[in-house]
Structures are given as C-alpha cells and as structure tokens.
Amino acid sequence: RSHLATIEQVRRILKDEGVSYRIIL
C-alpha cells in the first residue's frame, strides 16, 4: 500500500506542477 501511495503521490506532484510525465512499469 505504501509503494502504491508513493506512485500516486509522485504522479500528483508532477501533475500539480504542470510537468508532462509518463509512468512505465
């Protein structure tokens, strides 16, 4: 759960900062 929350938090920060991103397994 902590690992998944970390992924979500990084995604949220990048989005909030207006940074284009792609998440890859």
PDBML (XML) file of the C-alpha atoms, coordinates in Angstrom:
<?xml version="1.0" encoding="UTF-8" ?>
<PDBx:datablock datablockName="MODEL"
   xmlns:PDBx="http://pdbml.pdb.org/schema/pdbx-v50.xsd"
   xmlns:xsi="http://www.w3.org/2001/XMLSchema-instance"
   xsi:schemaLocation="http://pdbml.pdb.org/schema/pdbx-v50.xsd pdbx-v50.xsd">
   <PDBx:atom_siteCategory>
      <PDBx:atom_site id="1">
         <PDBx:B_iso_or_equiv>0.00</PDBx:B_iso_or_equiv>
         <PDBx:Cartn_x>0.000</PDBx:Cartn_x>
         <PDBx:Cartn_y>0.000</PDBx:Cartn_y>
         <PDBx:Cartn_z>0.000</PDBx:Cartn_z>
         <PDBx:auth_asym_id>A</PDBx:auth_asym_id>
         <PDBx:auth_atom_id>CA</PDBx:auth_atom_id>
         <PDBx:auth_comp_id>ARG</PDBx:auth_comp_id>
         <PDBx:auth_seq_id>1</PDBx:auth_seq_id>
         <PDBx:group_PDB>ATOM</PDBx:group_PDB>
         <PDBx:label_alt_id xsi:nil="true" />
         <PDBx:label_asym_id>A</PDBx:label_asym_id>
         <PDBx:label_atom_id>CA</PDBx:label_atom_id>
         <PDBx:label_comp_id>ARG</PDBx:label_comp_id>
         <PDBx:label_entity_id>1</PDBx:label_entity_id>
         <PDBx:label_seq_id>1</PDBx:label_seq_id>
         <PDBx:occupancy>1.00</PDBx:occupancy>
         <PDBx:pdbx_PDB_model_num>1</PDBx:pdbx_PDB_model_num>
         <PDBx:type_symbol>C</PDBx:type_symbol>
      </PDBx:atom_site>
      <PDBx:atom_site id="2">
         <PDBx:B_iso_or_equiv>0.00</PDBx:B_iso_or_equiv>
         <PDBx:Cartn_x>2.865</PDBx:Cartn_x>
         <PDBx:Cartn_y>2.369</PDBx:Cartn_y>
         <PDBx:Cartn_z>0.823</PDBx:Cartn_z>
         <PDBx:auth_asym_id>A</PDBx:auth_asym_id>
         <PDBx:auth_atom_id>CA</PDBx:auth_atom_id>
         <PDBx:auth_comp_id>SER</PDBx:auth_comp_id>
         <PDBx:auth_seq_id>2</PDBx:auth_seq_id>
         <PDBx:group_PDB>ATOM</PDBx:group_PDB>
         <PDBx:label_alt_id xsi:nil="true" />
         <PDBx:label_asym_id>A</PDBx:label_asym_id>
         <PDBx:label_atom_id>CA</PDBx:label_atom_id>
         <PDBx:label_comp_id>SER</PDBx:label_comp_id>
         <PDBx:label_entity_id>1</PDBx:label_entity_id>
         <PDBx:label_seq_id>2</PDBx:label_seq_id>
         <PDBx:occupancy>1.00</PDBx:occupancy>
         <PDBx:pdbx_PDB_model_num>1</PDBx:pdbx_PDB_model_num>
         <PDBx:type_symbol>C</PDBx:type_symbol>
      </PDBx:atom_site>
      <PDBx:atom_site id="3">
         <PDBx:B_iso_or_equiv>0.00</PDBx:B_iso_or_equiv>
         <PDBx:Cartn_x>4.527</PDBx:Cartn_x>
         <PDBx:Cartn_y>1.636</PDBx:Cartn_y>
         <PDBx:Cartn_z>-2.527</PDBx:Cartn_z>
         <PDBx:auth_asym_id>A</PDBx:auth_asym_id>
         <PDBx:auth_atom_id>CA</PDBx:auth_atom_id>
         <PDBx:auth_comp_id>HIS</PDBx:auth_comp_id>
         <PDBx:auth_seq_id>3</PDBx:auth_seq_id>
         <PDBx:group_PDB>ATOM</PDBx:group_PDB>
         <PDBx:label_alt_id xsi:nil="true" />
         <PDBx:label_asym_id>A</PDBx:label_asym_id>
         <PDBx:label_atom_id>CA</PDBx:label_atom_id>
         <PDBx:label_comp_id>HIS</PDBx:label_comp_id>
         <PDBx:label_entity_id>1</PDBx:label_entity_id>
         <PDBx:label_seq_id>3</PDBx:label_seq_id>
         <PDBx:occupancy>1.00</PDBx:occupancy>
         <PDBx:pdbx_PDB_model_num>1</PDBx:pdbx_PDB_model_num>
         <PDBx:type_symbol>C</PDBx:type_symbol>
      </PDBx:atom_site>
      <PDBx:atom_site id="4">
         <PDBx:B_iso_or_equiv>0.00</PDBx:B_iso_or_equiv>
         <PDBx:Cartn_x>1.307</PDBx:Cartn_x>
         <PDBx:Cartn_y>2.314</PDBx:Cartn_y>
         <PDBx:Cartn_z>-4.439</PDBx:Cartn_z>
         <PDBx:auth_asym_id>A</PDBx:auth_asym_id>
         <PDBx:auth_atom_id>CA</PDBx:auth_atom_id>
         <PDBx:auth_comp_id>LEU</PDBx:auth_comp_id>
         <PDBx:auth_seq_id>4</PDBx:auth_seq_id>
         <PDBx:group_PDB>ATOM</PDBx:group_PDB>
         <PDBx:label_alt_id xsi:nil="true" />
         <PDBx:label_asym_id>A</PDBx:label_asym_id>
         <PDBx:label_atom_id>CA</PDBx:label_atom_id>
         <PDBx:label_comp_id>LEU</PDBx:label_comp_id>
         <PDBx:label_entity_id>1</PDBx:label_entity_id>
         <PDBx:label_seq_id>4</PDBx:label_seq_id>
         <PDBx:occupancy>1.00</PDBx:occupancy>
         <PDBx:pdbx_PDB_model_num>1</PDBx:pdbx_PDB_model_num>
         <PDBx:type_symbol>C</PDBx:type_symbol>
      </PDBx:atom_site>
      <PDBx:atom_site id="5">
         <PDBx:B_iso_or_equiv>0.00</PDBx:B_iso_or_equiv>
         <PDBx:Cartn_x>0.728</PDBx:Cartn_x>
         <PDBx:Cartn_y>5.506</PDBx:Cartn_y>
         <PDBx:Cartn_z>-2.427</PDBx:Cartn_z>
         <PDBx:auth_asym_id>A</PDBx:auth_asym_id>
         <PDBx:auth_atom_id>CA</PDBx:auth_atom_id>
         <PDBx:auth_comp_id>ALA</PDBx:auth_comp_id>
         <PDBx:auth_seq_id>5</PDBx:auth_seq_id>
         <PDBx:group_PDB>ATOM</PDBx:group_PDB>
         <PDBx:label_alt_id xsi:nil="true" />
         <PDBx:label_asym_id>A</PDBx:label_asym_id>
         <PDBx:label_atom_id>CA</PDBx:label_atom_id>
         <PDBx:label_comp_id>ALA</PDBx:label_comp_id>
         <PDBx:label_entity_id>1</PDBx:label_entity_id>
         <PDBx:label_seq_id>5</PDBx:label_seq_id>
         <PDBx:occupancy>1.00</PDBx:occupancy>
         <PDBx:pdbx_PDB_model_num>1</PDBx:pdbx_PDB_model_num>
         <PDBx:type_symbol>C</PDBx:type_symbol>
      </PDBx:atom_site>
      <PDBx:atom_site id="6">
         <PDBx:B_iso_or_equiv>0.00</PDBx:B_iso_or_equiv>
         <PDBx:Cartn_x>4.230</PDBx:Cartn_x>
         <PDBx:Cartn_y>6.686</PDBx:Cartn_y>
         <PDBx:Cartn_z>-3.363</PDBx:Cartn_z>
         <PDBx:auth_asym_id>A</PDBx:auth_asym_id>
         <PDBx:auth_atom_id>CA</PDBx:auth_atom_id>
         <PDBx:auth_comp_id>THR</PDBx:auth_comp_id>
         <PDBx:auth_seq_id>6</PDBx:auth_seq_id>
         <PDBx:group_PDB>ATOM</PDBx:group_PDB>
         <PDBx:label_alt_id xsi:nil="true" />
         <PDBx:label_asym_id>A</PDBx:label_asym_id>
         <PDBx:label_atom_id>CA</PDBx:label_atom_id>
         <PDBx:label_comp_id>THR</PDBx:label_comp_id>
         <PDBx:label_entity_id>1</PDBx:label_entity_id>
         <PDBx:label_seq_id>6</PDBx:label_seq_id>
         <PDBx:occupancy>1.00</PDBx:occupancy>
         <PDBx:pdbx_PDB_model_num>1</PDBx:pdbx_PDB_model_num>
         <PDBx:type_symbol>C</PDBx:type_symbol>
      </PDBx:atom_site>
      <PDBx:atom_site id="7">
         <PDBx:B_iso_or_equiv>0.00</PDBx:B_iso_or_equiv>
         <PDBx:Cartn_x>3.496</PDBx:Cartn_x>
         <PDBx:Cartn_y>6.183</PDBx:Cartn_y>
         <PDBx:Cartn_z>-7.060</PDBx:Cartn_z>
         <PDBx:auth_asym_id>A</PDBx:auth_asym_id>
         <PDBx:auth_atom_id>CA</PDBx:auth_atom_id>
         <PDBx:auth_comp_id>ILE</PDBx:auth_comp_id>
         <PDBx:auth_seq_id>7</PDBx:auth_seq_id>
         <PDBx:group_PDB>ATOM</PDBx:group_PDB>
         <PDBx:label_alt_id xsi:nil="true" />
         <PDBx:label_asym_id>A</PDBx:label_asym_id>
         <PDBx:label_atom_id>CA</PDBx:label_atom_id>
         <PDBx:label_comp_id>ILE</PDBx:label_comp_id>
         <PDBx:label_entity_id>1</PDBx:label_entity_id>
         <PDBx:label_seq_id>7</PDBx:label_seq_id>
         <PDBx:occupancy>1.00</PDBx:occupancy>
         <PDBx:pdbx_PDB_model_num>1</PDBx:pdbx_PDB_model_num>
         <PDBx:type_symbol>C</PDBx:type_symbol>
      </PDBx:atom_site>
      <PDBx:atom_site id="8">
         <PDBx:B_iso_or_equiv>0.00</PDBx:B_iso_or_equiv>
         <PDBx:Cartn_x>0.270</PDBx:Cartn_x>
         <PDBx:Cartn_y>8.138</PDBx:Cartn_y>
         <PDBx:Cartn_z>-6.678</PDBx:Cartn_z>
         <PDBx:auth_asym_id>A</PDBx:auth_asym_id>
         <PDBx:auth_atom_id>CA</PDBx:auth_atom_id>
         <PDBx:auth_comp_id>GLU</PDBx:auth_comp_id>
         <PDBx:auth_seq_id>8</PDBx:auth_seq_id>
         <PDBx:group_PDB>ATOM</PDBx:group_PDB>
         <PDBx:label_alt_id xsi:nil="true" />
         <PDBx:label_asym_id>A</PDBx:label_asym_id>
         <PDBx:label_atom_id>CA</PDBx:label_atom_id>
         <PDBx:label_comp_id>GLU</PDBx:label_comp_id>
         <PDBx:label_entity_id>1</PDBx:label_entity_id>
         <PDBx:label_seq_id>8</PDBx:label_seq_id>
         <PDBx:occupancy>1.00</PDBx:occupancy>
         <PDBx:pdbx_PDB_model_num>1</PDBx:pdbx_PDB_model_num>
         <PDBx:type_symbol>C</PDBx:type_symbol>
      </PDBx:atom_site>
      <PDBx:atom_site id="9">
         <PDBx:B_iso_or_equiv>0.00</PDBx:B_iso_or_equiv>
         <PDBx:Cartn_x>1.960</PDBx:Cartn_x>
         <PDBx:Cartn_y>10.959</PDBx:Cartn_y>
         <PDBx:Cartn_z>-4.747</PDBx:Cartn_z>
         <PDBx:auth_asym_id>A</PDBx:auth_asym_id>
         <PDBx:auth_atom_id>CA</PDBx:auth_atom_id>
         <PDBx:auth_comp_id>GLN</PDBx:auth_comp_id>
         <PDBx:auth_seq_id>9</PDBx:auth_seq_id>
         <PDBx:group_PDB>ATOM</PDBx:group_PDB>
         <PDBx:label_alt_id xsi:nil="true" />
         <PDBx:label_asym_id>A</PDBx:label_asym_id>
         <PDBx:label_atom_id>CA</PDBx:label_atom_id>
         <PDBx:label_comp_id>GLN</PDBx:label_comp_id>
         <PDBx:label_entity_id>1</PDBx:label_entity_id>
         <PDBx:label_seq_id>9</PDBx:label_seq_id>
         <PDBx:occupancy>1.00</PDBx:occupancy>
         <PDBx:pdbx_PDB_model_num>1</PDBx:pdbx_PDB_model_num>
         <PDBx:type_symbol>C</PDBx:type_symbol>
      </PDBx:atom_site>
      <PDBx:atom_site id="10">
         <PDBx:B_iso_or_equiv>0.00</PDBx:B_iso_or_equiv>
         <PDBx:Cartn_x>4.687</PDBx:Cartn_x>
         <PDBx:Cartn_y>11.372</PDBx:Cartn_y>
         <PDBx:Cartn_z>-7.384</PDBx:Cartn_z>
         <PDBx:auth_asym_id>A</PDBx:auth_asym_id>
         <PDBx:auth_atom_id>CA</PDBx:auth_atom_id>
         <PDBx:auth_comp_id>VAL</PDBx:auth_comp_id>
         <PDBx:auth_seq_id>10</PDBx:auth_seq_id>
         <PDBx:group_PDB>ATOM</PDBx:group_PDB>
         <PDBx:label_alt_id xsi:nil="true" />
         <PDBx:label_asym_id>A</PDBx:label_asym_id>
         <PDBx:label_atom_id>CA</PDBx:label_atom_id>
         <PDBx:label_comp_id>VAL</PDBx:label_comp_id>
         <PDBx:label_entity_id>1</PDBx:label_entity_id>
         <PDBx:label_seq_id>10</PDBx:label_seq_id>
         <PDBx:occupancy>1.00</PDBx:occupancy>
         <PDBx:pdbx_PDB_model_num>1</PDBx:pdbx_PDB_model_num>
         <PDBx:type_symbol>C</PDBx:type_symbol>
      </PDBx:atom_site>
      <PDBx:atom_site id="11">
         <PDBx:B_iso_or_equiv>0.00</PDBx:B_iso_or_equiv>
         <PDBx:Cartn_x>2.005</PDBx:Cartn_x>
         <PDBx:Cartn_y>11.403</PDBx:Cartn_y>
         <PDBx:Cartn_z>-10.091</PDBx:Cartn_z>
         <PDBx:auth_asym_id>A</PDBx:auth_asym_id>
         <PDBx:auth_atom_id>CA</PDBx:auth_atom_id>
         <PDBx:auth_comp_id>ARG</PDBx:auth_comp_id>
         <PDBx:auth_seq_id>11</PDBx:auth_seq_id>
         <PDBx:group_PDB>ATOM</PDBx:group_PDB>
         <PDBx:label_alt_id xsi:nil="true" />
         <PDBx:label_asym_id>A</PDBx:label_asym_id>
         <PDBx:label_atom_id>CA</PDBx:label_atom_id>
         <PDBx:label_comp_id>ARG</PDBx:label_comp_id>
         <PDBx:label_entity_id>1</PDBx:label_entity_id>
         <PDBx:label_seq_id>11</PDBx:label_seq_id>
         <PDBx:occupancy>1.00</PDBx:occupancy>
         <PDBx:pdbx_PDB_model_num>1</PDBx:pdbx_PDB_model_num>
         <PDBx:type_symbol>C</PDBx:type_symbol>
      </PDBx:atom_site>
      <PDBx:atom_site id="12">
         <PDBx:B_iso_or_equiv>0.00</PDBx:B_iso_or_equiv>
         <PDBx:Cartn_x>0.017</PDBx:Cartn_x>
         <PDBx:Cartn_y>14.032</PDBx:Cartn_y>
         <PDBx:Cartn_z>-8.188</PDBx:Cartn_z>
         <PDBx:auth_asym_id>A</PDBx:auth_asym_id>
         <PDBx:auth_atom_id>CA</PDBx:auth_atom_id>
         <PDBx:auth_comp_id>ARG</PDBx:auth_comp_id>
         <PDBx:auth_seq_id>12</PDBx:auth_seq_id>
         <PDBx:group_PDB>ATOM</PDBx:group_PDB>
         <PDBx:label_alt_id xsi:nil="true" />
         <PDBx:label_asym_id>A</PDBx:label_asym_id>
         <PDBx:label_atom_id>CA</PDBx:label_atom_id>
         <PDBx:label_comp_id>ARG</PDBx:label_comp_id>
         <PDBx:label_entity_id>1</PDBx:label_entity_id>
         <PDBx:label_seq_id>12</PDBx:label_seq_id>
         <PDBx:occupancy>1.00</PDBx:occupancy>
         <PDBx:pdbx_PDB_model_num>1</PDBx:pdbx_PDB_model_num>
         <PDBx:type_symbol>C</PDBx:type_symbol>
      </PDBx:atom_site>
      <PDBx:atom_site id="13">
         <PDBx:B_iso_or_equiv>0.00</PDBx:B_iso_or_equiv>
         <PDBx:Cartn_x>3.043</PDBx:Cartn_x>
         <PDBx:Cartn_y>16.284</PDBx:Cartn_y>
         <PDBx:Cartn_z>-7.606</PDBx:Cartn_z>
         <PDBx:auth_asym_id>A</PDBx:auth_asym_id>
         <PDBx:auth_atom_id>CA</PDBx:auth_atom_id>
         <PDBx:auth_comp_id>ILE</PDBx:auth_comp_id>
         <PDBx:auth_seq_id>13</PDBx:auth_seq_id>
         <PDBx:group_PDB>ATOM</PDBx:group_PDB>
         <PDBx:label_alt_id xsi:nil="true" />
         <PDBx:label_asym_id>A</PDBx:label_asym_id>
         <PDBx:label_atom_id>CA</PDBx:label_atom_id>
         <PDBx:label_comp_id>ILE</PDBx:label_comp_id>
         <PDBx:label_entity_id>1</PDBx:label_entity_id>
         <PDBx:label_seq_id>13</PDBx:label_seq_id>
         <PDBx:occupancy>1.00</PDBx:occupancy>
         <PDBx:pdbx_PDB_model_num>1</PDBx:pdbx_PDB_model_num>
         <PDBx:type_symbol>C</PDBx:type_symbol>
      </PDBx:atom_site>
      <PDBx:atom_site id="14">
         <PDBx:B_iso_or_equiv>0.00</PDBx:B_iso_or_equiv>
         <PDBx:Cartn_x>4.072</PDBx:Cartn_x>
         <PDBx:Cartn_y>16.166</PDBx:Cartn_y>
         <PDBx:Cartn_z>-11.256</PDBx:Cartn_z>
         <PDBx:auth_asym_id>A</PDBx:auth_asym_id>
         <PDBx:auth_atom_id>CA</PDBx:auth_atom_id>
         <PDBx:auth_comp_id>LEU</PDBx:auth_comp_id>
         <PDBx:auth_seq_id>14</PDBx:auth_seq_id>
         <PDBx:group_PDB>ATOM</PDBx:group_PDB>
         <PDBx:label_alt_id xsi:nil="true" />
         <PDBx:label_asym_id>A</PDBx:label_asym_id>
         <PDBx:label_atom_id>CA</PDBx:label_atom_id>
         <PDBx:label_comp_id>LEU</PDBx:label_comp_id>
         <PDBx:label_entity_id>1</PDBx:label_entity_id>
         <PDBx:label_seq_id>14</PDBx:label_seq_id>
         <PDBx:occupancy>1.00</PDBx:occupancy>
         <PDBx:pdbx_PDB_model_num>1</PDBx:pdbx_PDB_model_num>
         <PDBx:type_symbol>C</PDBx:type_symbol>
      </PDBx:atom_site>
      <PDBx:atom_site id="15">
         <PDBx:B_iso_or_equiv>0.00</PDBx:B_iso_or_equiv>
         <PDBx:Cartn_x>0.522</PDBx:Cartn_x>
         <PDBx:Cartn_y>16.948</PDBx:Cartn_y>
         <PDBx:Cartn_z>-12.323</PDBx:Cartn_z>
         <PDBx:auth_asym_id>A</PDBx:auth_asym_id>
         <PDBx:auth_atom_id>CA</PDBx:auth_atom_id>
         <PDBx:auth_comp_id>LYS</PDBx:auth_comp_id>
         <PDBx:auth_seq_id>15</PDBx:auth_seq_id>
         <PDBx:group_PDB>ATOM</PDBx:group_PDB>
         <PDBx:label_alt_id xsi:nil="true" />
         <PDBx:label_asym_id>A</PDBx:label_asym_id>
         <PDBx:label_atom_id>CA</PDBx:label_atom_id>
         <PDBx:label_comp_id>LYS</PDBx:label_comp_id>
         <PDBx:label_entity_id>1</PDBx:label_entity_id>
         <PDBx:label_seq_id>15</PDBx:label_seq_id>
         <PDBx:occupancy>1.00</PDBx:occupancy>
         <PDBx:pdbx_PDB_model_num>1</PDBx:pdbx_PDB_model_num>
         <PDBx:type_symbol>C</PDBx:type_symbol>
      </PDBx:atom_site>
      <PDBx:atom_site id="16">
         <PDBx:B_iso_or_equiv>0.00</PDBx:B_iso_or_equiv>
         <PDBx:Cartn_x>0.199</PDBx:Cartn_x>
         <PDBx:Cartn_y>19.812</PDBx:Cartn_y>
         <PDBx:Cartn_z>-9.828</PDBx:Cartn_z>
         <PDBx:auth_asym_id>A</PDBx:auth_asym_id>
         <PDBx:auth_atom_id>CA</PDBx:auth_atom_id>
         <PDBx:auth_comp_id>ASP</PDBx:auth_comp_id>
         <PDBx:auth_seq_id>16</PDBx:auth_seq_id>
         <PDBx:group_PDB>ATOM</PDBx:group_PDB>
         <PDBx:label_alt_id xsi:nil="true" />
         <PDBx:label_asym_id>A</PDBx:label_asym_id>
         <PDBx:label_atom_id>CA</PDBx:label_atom_id>
         <PDBx:label_comp_id>ASP</PDBx:label_comp_id>
         <PDBx:label_entity_id>1</PDBx:label_entity_id>
         <PDBx:label_seq_id>16</PDBx:label_seq_id>
         <PDBx:occupancy>1.00</PDBx:occupancy>
         <PDBx:pdbx_PDB_model_num>1</PDBx:pdbx_PDB_model_num>
         <PDBx:type_symbol>C</PDBx:type_symbol>
      </PDBx:atom_site>
      <PDBx:atom_site id="17">
         <PDBx:B_iso_or_equiv>0.00</PDBx:B_iso_or_equiv>
         <PDBx:Cartn_x>3.500</PDBx:Cartn_x>
         <PDBx:Cartn_y>21.263</PDBx:Cartn_y>
         <PDBx:Cartn_z>-11.046</PDBx:Cartn_z>
         <PDBx:auth_asym_id>A</PDBx:auth_asym_id>
         <PDBx:auth_atom_id>CA</PDBx:auth_atom_id>
         <PDBx:auth_comp_id>GLU</PDBx:auth_comp_id>
         <PDBx:auth_seq_id>17</PDBx:auth_seq_id>
         <PDBx:group_PDB>ATOM</PDBx:group_PDB>
         <PDBx:label_alt_id xsi:nil="true" />
         <PDBx:label_asym_id>A</PDBx:label_asym_id>
         <PDBx:label_atom_id>CA</PDBx:label_atom_id>
         <PDBx:label_comp_id>GLU</PDBx:label_comp_id>
         <PDBx:label_entity_id>1</PDBx:label_entity_id>
         <PDBx:label_seq_id>17</PDBx:label_seq_id>
         <PDBx:occupancy>1.00</PDBx:occupancy>
         <PDBx:pdbx_PDB_model_num>1</PDBx:pdbx_PDB_model_num>
         <PDBx:type_symbol>C</PDBx:type_symbol>
      </PDBx:atom_site>
      <PDBx:atom_site id="18">
         <PDBx:B_iso_or_equiv>0.00</PDBx:B_iso_or_equiv>
         <PDBx:Cartn_x>2.330</PDBx:Cartn_x>
         <PDBx:Cartn_y>21.068</PDBx:Cartn_y>
         <PDBx:Cartn_z>-14.653</PDBx:Cartn_z>
         <PDBx:auth_asym_id>A</PDBx:auth_asym_id>
         <PDBx:auth_atom_id>CA</PDBx:auth_atom_id>
         <PDBx:auth_comp_id>GLY</PDBx:auth_comp_id>
         <PDBx:auth_seq_id>18</PDBx:auth_seq_id>
         <PDBx:group_PDB>ATOM</PDBx:group_PDB>
         <PDBx:label_alt_id xsi:nil="true" />
         <PDBx:label_asym_id>A</PDBx:label_asym_id>
         <PDBx:label_atom_id>CA</PDBx:label_atom_id>
         <PDBx:label_comp_id>GLY</PDBx:label_comp_id>
         <PDBx:label_entity_id>1</PDBx:label_entity_id>
         <PDBx:label_seq_id>18</PDBx:label_seq_id>
         <PDBx:occupancy>1.00</PDBx:occupancy>
         <PDBx:pdbx_PDB_model_num>1</PDBx:pdbx_PDB_model_num>
         <PDBx:type_symbol>C</PDBx:type_symbol>
      </PDBx:atom_site>
      <PDBx:atom_site id="19">
         <PDBx:B_iso_or_equiv>0.00</PDBx:B_iso_or_equiv>
         <PDBx:Cartn_x>5.091</PDBx:Cartn_x>
         <PDBx:Cartn_y>18.662</PDBx:Cartn_y>
         <PDBx:Cartn_z>-15.660</PDBx:Cartn_z>
         <PDBx:auth_asym_id>A</PDBx:auth_asym_id>
         <PDBx:auth_atom_id>CA</PDBx:auth_atom_id>
         <PDBx:auth_comp_id>VAL</PDBx:auth_comp_id>
         <PDBx:auth_seq_id>19</PDBx:auth_seq_id>
         <PDBx:group_PDB>ATOM</PDBx:group_PDB>
         <PDBx:label_alt_id xsi:nil="true" />
         <PDBx:label_asym_id>A</PDBx:label_asym_id>
         <PDBx:label_atom_id>CA</PDBx:label_atom_id>
         <PDBx:label_comp_id>VAL</PDBx:label_comp_id>
         <PDBx:label_entity_id>1</PDBx:label_entity_id>
         <PDBx:label_seq_id>19</PDBx:label_seq_id>
         <PDBx:occupancy>1.00</PDBx:occupancy>
         <PDBx:pdbx_PDB_model_num>1</PDBx:pdbx_PDB_model_num>
         <PDBx:type_symbol>C</PDBx:type_symbol>
      </PDBx:atom_site>
      <PDBx:atom_site id="20">
         <PDBx:B_iso_or_equiv>0.00</PDBx:B_iso_or_equiv>
         <PDBx:Cartn_x>4.334</PDBx:Cartn_x>
         <PDBx:Cartn_y>16.302</PDBx:Cartn_y>
         <PDBx:Cartn_z>-18.508</PDBx:Cartn_z>
         <PDBx:auth_asym_id>A</PDBx:auth_asym_id>
         <PDBx:auth_atom_id>CA</PDBx:auth_atom_id>
         <PDBx:auth_comp_id>SER</PDBx:auth_comp_id>
         <PDBx:auth_seq_id>20</PDBx:auth_seq_id>
         <PDBx:group_PDB>ATOM</PDBx:group_PDB>
         <PDBx:label_alt_id xsi:nil="true" />
         <PDBx:label_asym_id>A</PDBx:label_asym_id>
         <PDBx:label_atom_id>CA</PDBx:label_atom_id>
         <PDBx:label_comp_id>SER</PDBx:label_comp_id>
         <PDBx:label_entity_id>1</PDBx:label_entity_id>
         <PDBx:label_seq_id>20</PDBx:label_seq_id>
         <PDBx:occupancy>1.00</PDBx:occupancy>
         <PDBx:pdbx_PDB_model_num>1</PDBx:pdbx_PDB_model_num>
         <PDBx:type_symbol>C</PDBx:type_symbol>
      </PDBx:atom_site>
      <PDBx:atom_site id="21">
         <PDBx:B_iso_or_equiv>0.00</PDBx:B_iso_or_equiv>
         <PDBx:Cartn_x>5.048</PDBx:Cartn_x>
         <PDBx:Cartn_y>12.730</PDBx:Cartn_y>
         <PDBx:Cartn_z>-17.433</PDBx:Cartn_z>
         <PDBx:auth_asym_id>A</PDBx:auth_asym_id>
         <PDBx:auth_atom_id>CA</PDBx:auth_atom_id>
         <PDBx:auth_comp_id>TYR</PDBx:auth_comp_id>
         <PDBx:auth_seq_id>21</PDBx:auth_seq_id>
         <PDBx:group_PDB>ATOM</PDBx:group_PDB>
         <PDBx:label_alt_id xsi:nil="true" />
         <PDBx:label_asym_id>A</PDBx:label_asym_id>
         <PDBx:label_atom_id>CA</PDBx:label_atom_id>
         <PDBx:label_comp_id>TYR</PDBx:label_comp_id>
         <PDBx:label_entity_id>1</PDBx:label_entity_id>
         <PDBx:label_seq_id>21</PDBx:label_seq_id>
         <PDBx:occupancy>1.00</PDBx:occupancy>
         <PDBx:pdbx_PDB_model_num>1</PDBx:pdbx_PDB_model_num>
         <PDBx:type_symbol>C</PDBx:type_symbol>
      </PDBx:atom_site>
      <PDBx:atom_site id="22">
         <PDBx:B_iso_or_equiv>0.00</PDBx:B_iso_or_equiv>
         <PDBx:Cartn_x>4.677</PDBx:Cartn_x>
         <PDBx:Cartn_y>9.115</PDBx:Cartn_y>
         <PDBx:Cartn_z>-18.386</PDBx:Cartn_z>
         <PDBx:auth_asym_id>A</PDBx:auth_asym_id>
         <PDBx:auth_atom_id>CA</PDBx:auth_atom_id>
         <PDBx:auth_comp_id>ARG</PDBx:auth_comp_id>
         <PDBx:auth_seq_id>22</PDBx:auth_seq_id>
         <PDBx:group_PDB>ATOM</PDBx:group_PDB>
         <PDBx:label_alt_id xsi:nil="true" />
         <PDBx:label_asym_id>A</PDBx:label_asym_id>
         <PDBx:label_atom_id>CA</PDBx:label_atom_id>
         <PDBx:label_comp_id>ARG</PDBx:label_comp_id>
         <PDBx:label_entity_id>1</PDBx:label_entity_id>
         <PDBx:label_seq_id>22</PDBx:label_seq_id>
         <PDBx:occupancy>1.00</PDBx:occupancy>
         <PDBx:pdbx_PDB_model_num>1</PDBx:pdbx_PDB_model_num>
         <PDBx:type_symbol>C</PDBx:type_symbol>
      </PDBx:atom_site>
      <PDBx:atom_site id="23">
         <PDBx:B_iso_or_equiv>0.00</PDBx:B_iso_or_equiv>
         <PDBx:Cartn_x>4.585</PDBx:Cartn_x>
         <PDBx:Cartn_y>6.201</PDBx:Cartn_y>
         <PDBx:Cartn_z>-15.935</PDBx:Cartn_z>
         <PDBx:auth_asym_id>A</PDBx:auth_asym_id>
         <PDBx:auth_atom_id>CA</PDBx:auth_atom_id>
         <PDBx:auth_comp_id>ILE</PDBx:auth_comp_id>
         <PDBx:auth_seq_id>23</PDBx:auth_seq_id>
         <PDBx:group_PDB>ATOM</PDBx:group_PDB>
         <PDBx:label_alt_id xsi:nil="true" />
         <PDBx:label_asym_id>A</PDBx:label_asym_id>
         <PDBx:label_atom_id>CA</PDBx:label_atom_id>
         <PDBx:label_comp_id>ILE</PDBx:label_comp_id>
         <PDBx:label_entity_id>1</PDBx:label_entity_id>
         <PDBx:label_seq_id>23</PDBx:label_seq_id>
         <PDBx:occupancy>1.00</PDBx:occupancy>
         <PDBx:pdbx_PDB_model_num>1</PDBx:pdbx_PDB_model_num>
         <PDBx:type_symbol>C</PDBx:type_symbol>
      </PDBx:atom_site>
      <PDBx:atom_site id="24">
         <PDBx:B_iso_or_equiv>0.00</PDBx:B_iso_or_equiv>
         <PDBx:Cartn_x>6.222</PDBx:Cartn_x>
         <PDBx:Cartn_y>2.983</PDBx:Cartn_y>
         <PDBx:Cartn_z>-17.119</PDBx:Cartn_z>
         <PDBx:auth_asym_id>A</PDBx:auth_asym_id>
         <PDBx:auth_atom_id>CA</PDBx:auth_atom_id>
         <PDBx:auth_comp_id>ILE</PDBx:auth_comp_id>
         <PDBx:auth_seq_id>24</PDBx:auth_seq_id>
         <PDBx:group_PDB>ATOM</PDBx:group_PDB>
         <PDBx:label_alt_id xsi:nil="true" />
         <PDBx:label_asym_id>A</PDBx:label_asym_id>
         <PDBx:label_atom_id>CA</PDBx:label_atom_id>
         <PDBx:label_comp_id>ILE</PDBx:label_comp_id>
         <PDBx:label_entity_id>1</PDBx:label_entity_id>
         <PDBx:label_seq_id>24</PDBx:label_seq_id>
         <PDBx:occupancy>1.00</PDBx:occupancy>
         <PDBx:pdbx_PDB_model_num>1</PDBx:pdbx_PDB_model_num>
         <PDBx:type_symbol>C</PDBx:type_symbol>
      </PDBx:atom_site>
      <PDBx:atom_site id="25">
         <PDBx:B_iso_or_equiv>0.00</PDBx:B_iso_or_equiv>
         <PDBx:Cartn_x>6.373</PDBx:Cartn_x>
         <PDBx:Cartn_y>-0.422</PDBx:Cartn_y>
         <PDBx:Cartn_z>-15.465</PDBx:Cartn_z>
         <PDBx:auth_asym_id>A</PDBx:auth_asym_id>
         <PDBx:auth_atom_id>CA</PDBx:auth_atom_id>
         <PDBx:auth_comp_id>LEU</PDBx:auth_comp_id>
         <PDBx:auth_seq_id>25</PDBx:auth_seq_id>
         <PDBx:group_PDB>ATOM</PDBx:group_PDB>
         <PDBx:label_alt_id xsi:nil="true" />
         <PDBx:label_asym_id>A</PDBx:label_asym_id>
         <PDBx:label_atom_id>CA</PDBx:label_atom_id>
         <PDBx:label_comp_id>LEU</PDBx:label_comp_id>
         <PDBx:label_entity_id>1</PDBx:label_entity_id>
         <PDBx:label_seq_id>25</PDBx:label_seq_id>
         <PDBx:occupancy>1.00</PDBx:occupancy>
         <PDBx:pdbx_PDB_model_num>1</PDBx:pdbx_PDB_model_num>
         <PDBx:type_symbol>C</PDBx:type_symbol>
      </PDBx:atom_site>
   </PDBx:atom_siteCategory>
</PDBx:datablock>
